[in-house]
Amino acid sequence: MANKYSKQIEDTIEKNKQKYIDHLLKLVSIDTHDIGHGIEGGLEGNGQEYLIQVFEEMHADEIQKDPLTEEAIVKCNELYNEGNIGHNYENRFNVYATINGKSKKSILFNGHIDHMPADNLEHWKIDPLKPEVIGDKITGLGVADMKAGLMAGIMASMVLQDAGIEFPVTVKYATVCDEEGGGNGSLCAAMNGVKADAVVVCEPTNYELIVAHMGWVFFQVEVSGIAVHSGLKLAGVNAIEKAGILMEAIDRLEHKWLLKYKHPLLPPPSSNVGVIYGGEAGSTIPDYCCFKTCVHYLPNLMSREQVIKEYTDAIYERCQGDSWLKEHMPKITTYQQGNPFEMELDHPFVGAFKNAYTDALGKEVKLVGSPAGCDSRTWHNIVKCPTVQYGPGSLEQCHAVNEFVTVDQYLDAIKIYANLIIEWANEE
C-alpha cells in the first residue's frame, strides 16, 4: 500500500516538471570536467556555486563548502587503502547541505558533479554544454554520469517543499568533486566526518537498485629491451614482444579467477589491457613498452592485497621462463584503485527503498550488482552507513557521445527519492 503522500508527490512533479528539468539543464550547461582524471585538476567550482544557489533558494538550514585536501587523501590511504594521491585540488571543493526534518533520523543523497571531458565532438548532435530536450531524451555532457541523479536527489526535497509536505526526517546532501579520478571527493567527505543514518548514491542504474559493485585496481607494466635497426633484429630485444608474453600470463590468471570465483549479483573478476605504447618506427626494434590494465574483483571473496599479489606474481613467475625478462624484470606500479561494496539485503533501508519504488512506479524493483565501482564503497565501507545506489540513466550512457537520460527516468527518480524520504521515516 502506497504511503499517504505518494499521490501528492506525483501531482506536484507533474505540475512543476518543467522547473525541475530546467534546473538540470542549467547544471549540465556548466562545464565541470576533470582534467587528466583529476590528477591535473578539475573545473567543478562553478557547478558547485550553482548548487549552493539552489540550496539557498530552498532555504537549506546548513550549507558548507569543504575544500579537497591532499592531507585527507593521504590519511584515508593509510587507514583504508583508499584514495588517489597527487591530484591538483585548486578551486575544487565539496558542498554539503542539510534540511532539518521533524526527526533527527537522516538520509543523505550523494552525487559527483565532475564528469569526463567531451570526446569525438564531430559525432555530437548538439554542443555538449548546451543541453537540450530532444524528444523524450535530455541530452548533454555529464547528464547521465551523473548530473541527472545529483539534481534528482536535490529536486526530491524541492518537491516536498512545493507540495507543502513537512520533512519527516533530516535530509542531507554531499555533492562531491573528483569522482572520475577515483572517488577522492567522497573520501574527503568521509574523512571530514560527513555521515547519515542512510545514504543513496545517485549514480545511473537504469531502474534497477544496485546493492553491490566490484573493486578495481589499475596497473602499469613497463618492459625494457634493446633497440637496434630492424635489419639486425637478432642483436636486439623487442620490448613489445616481451610485453606480449606478460599479457598472456595475466590472461591465464584471469581464466583461473573465472573458474574459482562466483558471485550471485556480479560478473566474474576480469583484467583488461586498455593502453599499450612503445616503439618509434617499424625499422627499429623497440627498447621500451608500457601497457596499462584494469582489474575488477569481487567483494567479500577477494581483496585488494590479494589481487595485487597474484597479479604481480603471475607476471614475475612468467619472467622466470624467459632469459631476457628473468634478468630485466618489468616495473609494475598501481596508479588508481577502489575497494568493492556489498550492502546487506535484509537491512531496513533496503526495505524502505523497495517500498518507495513501489509507491512511485507501482512495481517491484530488481536488485542487482554493478561491474563499475563508485562512491557507494566509501559510504558503506568507511563511513559505515547503510548504502544503496540508484539513479536515472544507464551505465551504457556514461562517457558516451550524445549522452542522455530520458525525461521519464529523471522525473521518476525524483518521485522515488521523495517517496524514499517518507518511507525512511516510516521504517522502524
Protein backbone atom coordinates (compact mmCIF):
# COMPACT_ATOMS: atom_id res chain seq x y z
CA MET A 1 0.00 0.00 0.00
CA ALA A 2 1.42 3.36 -1.03
CA ASN A 3 2.23 5.93 1.64
CA LYS A 4 -0.33 8.70 2.12
CA TYR A 5 1.80 11.29 0.31
CA SER A 6 2.63 9.37 -2.88
CA LYS A 7 -0.26 10.82 -4.94
CA GLN A 8 0.53 14.33 -3.71
CA ILE A 9 4.17 13.86 -4.70
CA GLU A 10 3.18 12.60 -8.15
CA ASP A 11 0.80 15.51 -8.78
CA THR A 12 3.39 18.06 -7.64
CA ILE A 13 6.02 16.66 -10.00
CA GLU A 14 3.59 16.76 -12.91
CA LYS A 15 2.65 20.36 -12.11
CA ASN A 16 6.25 21.60 -11.74
CA LYS A 17 8.18 19.24 -14.03
CA GLN A 18 9.50 21.97 -16.31
CA LYS A 19 11.06 23.74 -13.34
CA TYR A 20 12.79 20.55 -12.27
CA ILE A 21 14.01 19.89 -15.83
CA ASP A 22 15.28 23.46 -16.16
CA HIS A 23 17.43 23.06 -13.03
CA LEU A 24 19.05 20.01 -14.61
CA LEU A 25 19.61 21.77 -17.94
CA LYS A 26 21.31 24.64 -16.13
CA LEU A 27 23.64 22.31 -14.24
CA VAL A 28 24.57 20.38 -17.40
CA SER A 29 25.37 23.65 -19.19
CA ILE A 30 28.16 24.35 -16.67
CA ASP A 31 31.49 22.76 -17.60
CA THR A 32 32.71 20.72 -14.61
CA HIS A 33 35.03 18.24 -16.29
CA ASP A 34 38.06 16.60 -14.70
CA ILE A 35 41.48 17.28 -16.21
CA GLY A 36 43.64 14.21 -16.64
CA HIS A 37 41.34 12.04 -14.50
CA GLY A 38 41.58 14.66 -11.76
CA ILE A 39 45.33 14.41 -11.45
CA GLU A 40 45.80 17.75 -13.20
CA GLY A 41 42.73 19.31 -11.61
CA GLY A 42 39.07 19.90 -12.32
CA LEU A 43 36.57 22.60 -13.21
CA GLU A 44 33.89 21.75 -10.66
CA GLY A 45 33.87 25.14 -8.90
CA ASN A 46 31.25 26.95 -10.99
CA GLY A 47 28.88 23.99 -10.84
CA GLN A 48 29.22 23.80 -7.07
CA GLU A 49 28.49 27.52 -6.78
CA TYR A 50 25.28 26.98 -8.76
CA LEU A 51 24.19 24.21 -6.41
CA ILE A 52 24.84 26.49 -3.46
CA GLN A 53 22.42 28.96 -5.06
CA VAL A 54 19.82 26.20 -5.39
CA PHE A 55 20.24 25.19 -1.75
CA GLU A 56 19.93 28.82 -0.71
CA GLU A 57 16.70 29.18 -2.70
CA MET A 58 15.42 26.09 -0.88
CA HIS A 59 16.35 27.71 2.47
CA ALA A 60 18.58 24.84 3.50
CA ASP A 61 19.41 25.01 7.20
CA GLU A 62 23.11 24.39 6.64
CA ILE A 63 25.32 24.86 3.58
CA GLN A 64 29.05 24.19 3.74
CA LYS A 65 31.99 24.33 1.36
CA ASP A 66 34.69 21.76 2.04
CA PRO A 67 37.94 22.08 0.02
CA LEU A 68 39.54 18.81 -1.05
CA THR A 69 42.97 18.33 0.50
CA GLU A 70 45.91 16.02 -0.05
CA GLU A 71 46.17 15.58 3.71
CA ALA A 72 42.74 13.95 3.89
CA ILE A 73 43.51 11.61 0.99
CA VAL A 74 46.88 10.57 2.42
CA LYS A 75 45.22 9.78 5.75
CA CYS A 76 42.48 7.80 4.02
CA ASN A 77 45.08 5.88 2.06
CA GLU A 78 46.94 4.99 5.23
CA LEU A 79 43.84 3.93 7.16
CA TYR A 80 41.70 2.29 4.47
CA ASN A 81 43.89 1.68 1.38
CA GLU A 82 41.64 4.16 -0.43
CA GLY A 83 42.42 7.45 -2.12
CA ASN A 84 44.45 8.54 -5.10
CA ILE A 85 47.39 10.71 -4.10
CA GLY A 86 48.87 13.59 -6.06
CA HIS A 87 45.79 15.30 -7.53
CA ASN A 88 45.52 19.04 -8.08
CA TYR A 89 42.81 20.50 -5.80
CA GLU A 90 42.86 24.15 -6.85
CA ASN A 91 39.29 25.53 -6.63
CA ARG A 92 37.90 22.05 -6.01
CA PHE A 93 35.52 21.74 -3.08
CA ASN A 94 32.64 19.60 -1.93
CA VAL A 95 29.31 21.14 -0.97
CA TYR A 96 27.22 19.80 1.91
CA ALA A 97 23.68 20.90 2.68
CA THR A 98 21.15 19.96 5.33
CA ILE A 99 17.38 20.45 5.51
CA ASN A 100 16.20 19.71 9.01
CA GLY A 101 13.20 17.46 9.45
CA LYS A 102 10.72 16.58 12.15
CA SER A 103 13.02 13.76 13.23
CA LYS A 104 16.78 13.74 13.66
CA LYS A 105 16.82 10.49 11.71
CA SER A 106 18.64 11.31 8.48
CA ILE A 107 19.10 10.34 4.87
CA LEU A 108 21.91 11.59 2.64
CA PHE A 109 21.90 11.89 -1.15
CA ASN A 110 25.38 11.70 -2.66
CA GLY A 111 26.45 12.57 -6.19
CA HIS A 112 29.52 13.78 -8.04
CA ILE A 113 29.43 16.98 -10.05
CA ASP A 114 32.54 16.24 -12.14
CA HIS A 115 32.39 14.50 -15.48
CA MET A 116 34.77 13.38 -18.20
CA PRO A 117 35.69 15.85 -20.98
CA ALA A 118 33.83 15.56 -24.29
CA ASP A 119 35.46 13.39 -26.93
CA ASN A 120 34.57 12.94 -30.61
CA LEU A 121 32.89 16.34 -30.84
CA GLU A 122 32.20 15.80 -34.54
CA HIS A 123 29.80 12.99 -33.59
CA TRP A 124 27.75 15.03 -31.11
CA LYS A 125 24.36 16.14 -32.42
CA ILE A 126 24.48 19.23 -30.20
CA ASP A 127 27.04 21.32 -28.37
CA PRO A 128 27.73 19.05 -25.35
CA LEU A 129 27.50 22.05 -22.99
CA LYS A 130 24.22 23.32 -24.47
CA PRO A 131 21.90 20.57 -23.29
CA GLU A 132 18.54 20.06 -24.96
CA VAL A 133 15.38 18.07 -24.52
CA ILE A 134 15.19 16.15 -27.79
CA GLY A 135 12.03 14.07 -27.99
CA ASP A 136 11.91 12.01 -24.79
CA LYS A 137 15.61 12.50 -24.01
CA ILE A 138 17.61 15.10 -22.07
CA THR A 139 20.94 15.19 -23.92
CA GLY A 140 24.17 16.82 -22.75
CA LEU A 141 27.65 16.19 -21.38
CA GLY A 142 27.61 14.55 -17.95
CA VAL A 143 23.83 14.29 -17.75
CA ALA A 144 23.83 10.52 -17.15
CA ASP A 145 27.13 10.43 -15.27
CA MET A 146 25.75 11.85 -13.14
CA LYS A 147 24.18 15.29 -13.05
CA ALA A 148 20.65 13.92 -13.53
CA GLY A 149 21.00 11.76 -10.43
CA LEU A 150 22.58 14.55 -8.42
CA MET A 151 19.88 17.04 -9.37
CA ALA A 152 17.07 14.49 -8.92
CA GLY A 153 18.15 13.99 -5.33
CA ILE A 154 18.02 17.74 -4.72
CA MET A 155 14.71 18.12 -6.53
CA ALA A 156 13.17 15.45 -4.29
CA SER A 157 13.39 17.92 -1.42
CA MET A 158 12.09 20.72 -3.61
CA VAL A 159 9.08 18.54 -4.46
CA LEU A 160 8.26 18.09 -0.77
CA GLN A 161 8.56 21.84 -0.29
CA ASP A 162 6.41 22.58 -3.34
CA ALA A 163 3.82 20.07 -2.09
CA GLY A 164 3.78 21.59 1.39
CA ILE A 165 4.81 18.28 2.96
CA GLU A 166 6.70 18.54 6.24
CA PHE A 167 10.09 16.81 6.13
CA PRO A 168 9.68 13.76 8.38
CA VAL A 169 13.46 13.18 8.59
CA THR A 170 16.54 15.32 8.12
CA VAL A 171 17.72 15.33 4.52
CA LYS A 172 21.41 15.83 3.77
CA TYR A 173 23.38 16.29 0.56
CA ALA A 174 27.01 15.66 -0.33
CA THR A 175 27.79 16.89 -3.83
CA VAL A 176 31.42 16.00 -4.44
CA CYS A 177 34.35 16.51 -6.81
CA ASP A 178 36.96 14.21 -8.35
CA GLU A 179 34.88 11.04 -8.53
CA GLU A 180 36.13 10.37 -12.04
CA GLY A 181 39.65 10.49 -10.61
CA GLY A 182 38.91 7.57 -8.30
CA GLY A 183 36.47 8.97 -5.74
CA ASN A 184 38.60 11.44 -3.80
CA GLY A 185 35.68 13.82 -3.20
CA SER A 186 33.56 11.38 -1.20
CA LEU A 187 36.69 10.09 0.52
CA CYS A 188 37.42 13.63 1.73
CA ALA A 189 33.81 13.91 2.93
CA ALA A 190 34.21 10.65 4.82
CA MET A 191 37.47 11.73 6.43
CA ASN A 192 35.88 15.04 7.45
CA GLY A 193 33.02 13.39 9.32
CA VAL A 194 30.09 13.61 6.90
CA LYS A 195 27.57 10.86 7.68
CA ALA A 196 23.89 9.98 7.94
CA ASP A 197 21.64 7.13 9.01
CA ALA A 198 21.33 6.03 5.38
CA VAL A 199 22.87 7.03 2.04
CA VAL A 200 21.67 6.97 -1.56
CA VAL A 201 24.41 7.21 -4.17
CA CYS A 202 22.56 8.66 -7.17
CA GLU A 203 24.62 7.05 -9.95
CA PRO A 204 22.69 5.81 -13.02
CA THR A 205 21.16 2.35 -12.57
CA ASN A 206 18.53 2.07 -15.34
CA TYR A 207 15.56 1.49 -13.00
CA GLU A 208 17.43 -1.19 -11.00
CA LEU A 209 18.73 -0.99 -7.43
CA ILE A 210 22.46 -1.64 -7.17
CA VAL A 211 23.44 -3.26 -3.88
CA ALA A 212 26.97 -4.41 -4.78
CA HIS A 213 29.80 -3.33 -7.02
CA MET A 214 33.22 -4.65 -7.92
CA GLY A 215 36.55 -3.32 -6.71
CA TRP A 216 39.25 -2.26 -9.12
CA VAL A 217 42.99 -1.75 -9.43
CA PHE A 218 44.78 -0.03 -12.32
CA PHE A 219 48.23 -1.45 -13.14
CA GLN A 220 51.06 -0.08 -15.26
CA VAL A 221 53.68 -2.53 -16.52
CA GLU A 222 56.89 -1.21 -18.08
CA VAL A 223 59.13 -3.54 -20.09
CA SER A 224 62.66 -2.82 -21.37
CA GLY A 225 64.51 -4.18 -24.41
CA ILE A 226 67.45 -3.37 -26.67
CA ALA A 227 66.97 -1.04 -29.63
CA VAL A 228 68.71 -1.83 -32.92
CA HIS A 229 67.95 -1.45 -36.63
CA SER A 230 65.29 -3.96 -37.62
CA GLY A 231 67.72 -5.48 -40.13
CA LEU A 232 69.81 -6.55 -37.12
CA LYS A 233 66.81 -7.95 -35.25
CA LEU A 234 68.69 -10.83 -33.60
CA ALA A 235 71.06 -8.36 -31.94
CA GLY A 236 68.19 -6.56 -30.21
CA VAL A 237 65.40 -7.36 -27.76
CA ASN A 238 61.88 -6.36 -28.76
CA ALA A 239 60.15 -4.89 -25.69
CA ILE A 240 56.72 -5.08 -27.34
CA GLU A 241 57.10 -8.83 -27.93
CA LYS A 242 58.23 -9.31 -24.32
CA ALA A 243 55.20 -7.34 -23.13
CA GLY A 244 53.00 -9.70 -25.16
CA ILE A 245 54.41 -12.64 -23.23
CA LEU A 246 53.39 -10.96 -19.97
CA MET A 247 49.90 -10.20 -21.27
CA GLU A 248 49.45 -13.91 -21.94
CA ALA A 249 50.41 -14.60 -18.32
CA ILE A 250 47.74 -12.29 -16.93
CA ASP A 251 45.19 -13.76 -19.34
CA ARG A 252 45.89 -17.15 -17.76
CA LEU A 253 45.43 -15.64 -14.29
CA GLU A 254 42.11 -14.14 -15.38
CA HIS A 255 40.96 -17.58 -16.57
CA LYS A 256 41.95 -19.07 -13.20
CA TRP A 257 39.89 -16.44 -11.39
CA LEU A 258 36.97 -17.05 -13.73
CA LEU A 259 36.83 -20.71 -12.71
CA LYS A 260 37.35 -20.08 -8.99
CA TYR A 261 35.18 -17.08 -8.03
CA LYS A 262 31.40 -16.78 -8.41
CA HIS A 263 29.04 -14.07 -7.12
CA PRO A 264 25.22 -14.11 -7.37
CA LEU A 265 24.96 -10.46 -8.44
CA LEU A 266 28.23 -9.70 -10.21
CA PRO A 267 30.26 -10.89 -13.21
CA PRO A 268 33.50 -12.81 -12.63
CA PRO A 269 36.75 -10.97 -11.95
CA SER A 270 38.46 -9.64 -15.05
CA SER A 271 41.60 -7.99 -16.39
CA ASN A 272 41.62 -5.63 -19.36
CA VAL A 273 44.64 -4.27 -21.24
CA GLY A 274 43.37 -0.83 -22.12
CA VAL A 275 46.54 1.02 -23.19
CA ILE A 276 49.78 -0.09 -24.85
CA TYR A 277 52.55 2.02 -26.30
CA GLY A 278 56.16 1.60 -27.31
CA GLY A 279 58.50 1.84 -30.25
CA GLU A 280 59.41 4.66 -32.61
CA ALA A 281 59.43 3.21 -36.12
CA GLY A 282 58.83 -0.01 -38.00
CA SER A 283 62.53 -0.10 -38.83
CA THR A 284 63.64 -0.04 -35.17
CA ILE A 285 63.48 -2.79 -32.56
CA PRO A 286 61.67 -1.10 -29.62
CA ASP A 287 63.59 -0.90 -26.34
CA TYR A 288 60.55 0.13 -24.28
CA CYS A 289 56.94 -0.92 -23.98
CA CYS A 290 54.33 0.07 -21.44
CA PHE A 291 50.86 -1.36 -21.02
CA LYS A 292 48.13 -0.36 -18.60
CA THR A 293 45.40 -2.60 -17.29
CA CYS A 294 42.34 -2.51 -15.07
CA VAL A 295 41.41 -5.44 -12.84
CA HIS A 296 37.87 -5.74 -11.46
CA TYR A 297 37.42 -8.04 -8.48
CA LEU A 298 34.63 -9.31 -6.23
CA PRO A 299 33.50 -8.14 -2.76
CA ASN A 300 33.99 -10.44 0.24
CA LEU A 301 35.59 -13.13 -1.96
CA MET A 302 38.74 -11.23 -2.94
CA SER A 303 40.85 -8.42 -1.50
CA ARG A 304 42.91 -5.62 -2.99
CA GLU A 305 46.08 -7.02 -1.44
CA GLN A 306 45.37 -10.47 -2.88
CA VAL A 307 44.73 -9.08 -6.36
CA ILE A 308 47.95 -7.06 -6.40
CA LYS A 309 49.99 -10.02 -5.14
CA GLU A 310 48.53 -12.58 -7.54
CA TYR A 311 48.81 -10.19 -10.48
CA THR A 312 52.43 -9.29 -9.86
CA ASP A 313 53.29 -12.91 -9.01
CA ALA A 314 51.81 -14.08 -12.33
CA ILE A 315 53.95 -11.58 -14.24
CA TYR A 316 57.16 -12.24 -12.30
CA GLU A 317 56.75 -16.01 -12.48
CA ARG A 318 56.39 -15.81 -16.25
CA CYS A 319 59.60 -13.80 -16.38
CA GLN A 320 61.46 -16.79 -14.95
CA GLY A 321 60.77 -18.68 -18.18
CA ASP A 322 62.35 -16.02 -20.39
CA SER A 323 66.10 -15.46 -20.35
CA TRP A 324 65.79 -11.70 -21.01
CA LEU A 325 62.92 -10.94 -18.64
CA LYS A 326 64.50 -13.01 -15.88
CA GLU A 327 67.46 -10.63 -15.83
CA HIS A 328 65.47 -7.48 -16.72
CA MET A 329 62.32 -7.67 -14.64
CA PRO A 330 59.47 -5.34 -15.64
CA LYS A 331 58.45 -2.43 -13.43
CA ILE A 332 54.92 -2.86 -12.06
CA THR A 333 53.05 0.00 -10.39
CA THR A 334 49.45 0.73 -9.44
CA TYR A 335 48.00 4.18 -10.08
CA GLN A 336 44.31 4.05 -9.17
CA GLN A 337 42.22 1.75 -7.02
CA GLY A 338 38.94 1.37 -5.22
CA ASN A 339 37.53 -1.31 -2.95
CA PRO A 340 34.35 -3.29 -3.68
CA PHE A 341 30.98 -2.79 -1.98
CA GLU A 342 28.14 -5.07 -0.93
CA MET A 343 25.06 -4.00 1.01
CA GLU A 344 23.22 -6.24 3.48
CA LEU A 345 19.98 -7.12 1.70
CA ASP A 346 17.93 -7.57 4.88
CA HIS A 347 18.68 -4.05 6.16
CA PRO A 348 15.59 -1.86 6.81
CA PHE A 349 16.90 0.79 4.40
CA VAL A 350 16.74 -1.68 1.52
CA GLY A 351 13.15 -2.39 2.56
CA ALA A 352 12.37 1.33 2.65
CA PHE A 353 13.73 1.76 -0.86
CA LYS A 354 11.70 -1.17 -2.16
CA ASN A 355 8.56 0.40 -0.71
CA ALA A 356 9.40 3.83 -2.14
CA TYR A 357 9.98 2.37 -5.60
CA THR A 358 6.62 0.60 -5.50
CA ASP A 359 4.94 3.77 -4.18
CA ALA A 360 6.33 5.72 -7.12
CA LEU A 361 6.12 3.27 -10.02
CA GLY A 362 3.61 0.62 -8.93
CA LYS A 363 6.01 -2.30 -9.38
CA GLU A 364 8.88 -4.03 -7.61
CA VAL A 365 12.49 -3.03 -8.09
CA LYS A 366 15.11 -5.54 -9.23
CA LEU A 367 18.22 -5.83 -7.02
CA VAL A 368 21.45 -6.15 -9.00
CA GLY A 369 25.22 -5.71 -8.83
CA SER A 370 27.39 -3.43 -10.95
CA PRO A 371 30.75 -4.17 -12.59
CA ALA A 372 31.63 -0.45 -12.30
CA GLY A 373 32.81 0.87 -8.95
CA CYS A 374 31.64 4.15 -7.48
CA ASP A 375 31.34 6.09 -4.21
CA SER A 376 28.98 3.52 -2.67
CA ARG A 377 32.04 1.79 -1.25
CA THR A 378 33.08 4.92 0.65
CA TRP A 379 29.78 5.43 2.45
CA HIS A 380 29.32 1.74 3.25
CA ASN A 381 32.87 0.61 4.00
CA ILE A 382 34.43 3.69 5.61
CA VAL A 383 31.56 5.78 7.00
CA LYS A 384 29.65 2.59 7.92
CA CYS A 385 26.33 3.88 6.59
CA PRO A 386 23.68 1.61 5.08
CA THR A 387 24.02 2.46 1.39
CA VAL A 388 22.17 1.80 -1.85
CA GLN A 389 22.83 3.01 -5.38
CA TYR A 390 20.03 4.26 -7.59
CA GLY A 391 19.73 6.96 -10.23
CA PRO A 392 18.38 7.95 -13.64
CA GLY A 393 20.23 6.90 -16.78
CA SER A 394 22.23 3.79 -17.64
CA LEU A 395 25.85 2.70 -17.45
CA GLU A 396 25.92 2.49 -21.25
CA GLN A 397 25.41 6.27 -21.44
CA CYS A 398 28.31 7.08 -19.11
CA HIS A 399 31.17 8.75 -21.05
CA ALA A 400 29.17 8.28 -24.27
CA VAL A 401 28.77 10.55 -27.28
CA ASN A 402 25.32 12.22 -27.21
CA GLU A 403 24.98 11.22 -23.56
CA PHE A 404 21.37 11.26 -22.37
CA VAL A 405 18.77 10.31 -19.80
CA THR A 406 15.12 10.06 -20.68
CA VAL A 407 12.74 12.62 -19.23
CA ASP A 408 10.83 9.80 -17.54
CA GLN A 409 13.99 8.39 -15.92
CA TYR A 410 14.76 11.77 -14.42
CA LEU A 411 11.26 12.57 -13.17
CA ASP A 412 10.74 9.02 -11.90
CA ALA A 413 13.97 9.26 -9.89
CA ILE A 414 12.72 12.45 -8.26
CA LYS A 415 9.46 10.67 -7.45
CA ILE A 416 11.25 7.65 -5.96
CA TYR A 417 13.62 9.78 -3.87
CA ALA A 418 10.77 11.90 -2.49
CA ASN A 419 8.85 8.78 -1.52
CA LEU A 420 12.01 7.32 -0.01
CA ILE A 421 12.30 10.28 2.38
CA ILE A 422 8.78 9.46 3.57
CA GLU A 423 9.34 5.70 3.73
CA TRP A 424 12.61 6.03 5.63
CA ALA A 425 10.71 7.92 8.32
CA ASN A 426 8.17 5.08 8.48
CA GLU A 427 10.78 2.31 8.63
CA GLU A 428 11.45 1.07 12.14
